[in-house]
């Protein structure tokens, strides 16, 4: 995973897929953005307050190897498509 930083102890990722996977353990969908030193980062949950509130209730659905692997596979496919488009 490409962790940029943490804000309020919540990870900020370089990809939407990673942010959404992390938020899924709190039964949240969607994402929102933060800008850190000129870099846009992605955080799970539709808003910062939504993820903060969800975290207070604890993990609902732990991330499994298979869910993480499918996100990683998707991420790799996007990178390959992006590379082909740039060529």
Protein backbone atom coordinates (compact mmCIF):
# COMPACT_ATOMS: atom_id res chain seq x y z
CA UNK A 1 0.00 0.00 0.00
CA UNK A 2 1.13 3.51 -0.69
CA UNK A 3 0.68 5.35 2.57
CA UNK A 4 1.31 9.09 2.31
CA UNK A 5 0.68 10.02 5.94
CA UNK A 6 -1.91 9.79 8.69
CA UNK A 7 -4.39 12.48 9.68
CA UNK A 8 -6.09 11.97 13.05
CA UNK A 9 -4.51 8.49 12.99
CA UNK A 10 -6.36 7.69 9.75
CA UNK A 11 -4.24 6.60 6.78
CA UNK A 12 -4.05 8.77 3.69
CA UNK A 13 -3.23 6.74 0.58
CA UNK A 14 -1.98 7.56 -2.90
CA UNK A 15 -4.79 5.55 -4.54
CA UNK A 16 -8.57 5.49 -4.24
CA UNK A 17 -8.61 1.67 -4.22
CA UNK A 18 -6.40 1.47 -1.12
CA UNK A 19 -8.48 4.08 0.70
CA UNK A 20 -11.71 2.28 -0.09
CA UNK A 21 -10.29 -1.08 0.97
CA UNK A 22 -9.19 0.36 4.31
CA UNK A 23 -12.61 1.99 4.86
CA UNK A 24 -14.42 -1.24 4.02
CA UNK A 25 -13.41 -2.71 7.38
CA UNK A 26 -15.65 -0.05 8.95
CA UNK A 27 -18.48 -0.76 6.47
CA UNK A 28 -17.92 2.55 4.72
CA UNK A 29 -17.79 3.21 1.00
CA UNK A 30 -16.59 6.15 -0.99
CA UNK A 31 -13.60 8.35 -0.34
CA UNK A 32 -12.60 11.96 0.16
CA UNK A 33 -9.37 13.80 -0.51
CA UNK A 34 -6.80 15.75 1.45
CA UNK A 35 -3.93 17.78 0.07
CA UNK A 36 -0.60 17.30 1.86
CA UNK A 37 2.39 19.32 0.71
CA UNK A 38 0.93 19.65 -2.78
CA UNK A 39 0.06 15.95 -3.13
CA UNK A 40 -3.54 14.79 -3.29
CA UNK A 41 -4.21 11.83 -1.03
CA UNK A 42 -7.25 9.61 -0.68
CA UNK A 43 -8.96 8.65 2.56
CA UNK A 44 -11.76 6.13 2.88
CA UNK A 45 -15.28 7.24 3.72
CA UNK A 46 -17.33 9.96 2.08
CA UNK A 47 -16.11 12.55 4.60
CA UNK A 48 -13.51 12.92 7.29
CA UNK A 49 -16.17 13.05 10.00
CA UNK A 50 -17.74 9.81 8.67
CA UNK A 51 -14.50 7.84 9.04
CA UNK A 52 -13.71 9.33 12.44
CA UNK A 53 -17.16 8.34 13.70
CA UNK A 54 -16.97 4.85 12.15
CA UNK A 55 -13.56 4.23 13.72
CA UNK A 56 -14.95 4.95 17.17
CA UNK A 57 -17.11 1.82 16.78
CA UNK A 58 -14.14 -0.38 15.86
CA UNK A 59 -13.54 -2.74 12.97
CA UNK A 60 -16.72 -4.38 11.72
CA UNK A 61 -15.40 -6.42 8.78
CA UNK A 62 -11.67 -7.24 8.97
CA UNK A 63 -9.69 -6.97 5.75
CA UNK A 64 -8.85 -10.42 4.43
CA UNK A 65 -5.99 -11.54 2.24
CA UNK A 66 -8.40 -12.14 -0.64
CA UNK A 67 -9.94 -8.66 -0.44
CA UNK A 68 -6.50 -7.06 -0.28
CA UNK A 69 -5.25 -9.23 -3.14
CA UNK A 70 -8.17 -8.32 -5.41
CA UNK A 71 -7.54 -4.62 -4.74
CA UNK A 72 -3.82 -5.08 -5.49
CA UNK A 73 -4.64 -6.93 -8.73
CA UNK A 74 -6.96 -4.09 -9.77
CA UNK A 75 -4.30 -1.52 -8.89
CA UNK A 76 -1.70 -3.35 -11.01
CA UNK A 77 -4.09 -3.55 -13.96
CA UNK A 78 -4.71 0.19 -13.76
CA UNK A 79 -0.95 0.82 -13.72
CA UNK A 80 -0.47 -1.36 -16.82
CA UNK A 81 -3.26 0.44 -18.69
CA UNK A 82 -1.80 3.80 -17.65
CA UNK A 83 1.64 2.78 -18.94
CA UNK A 84 0.22 1.64 -22.26
CA UNK A 85 -1.67 4.89 -22.68
CA UNK A 86 1.44 6.97 -22.00
CA UNK A 87 3.46 5.11 -24.63
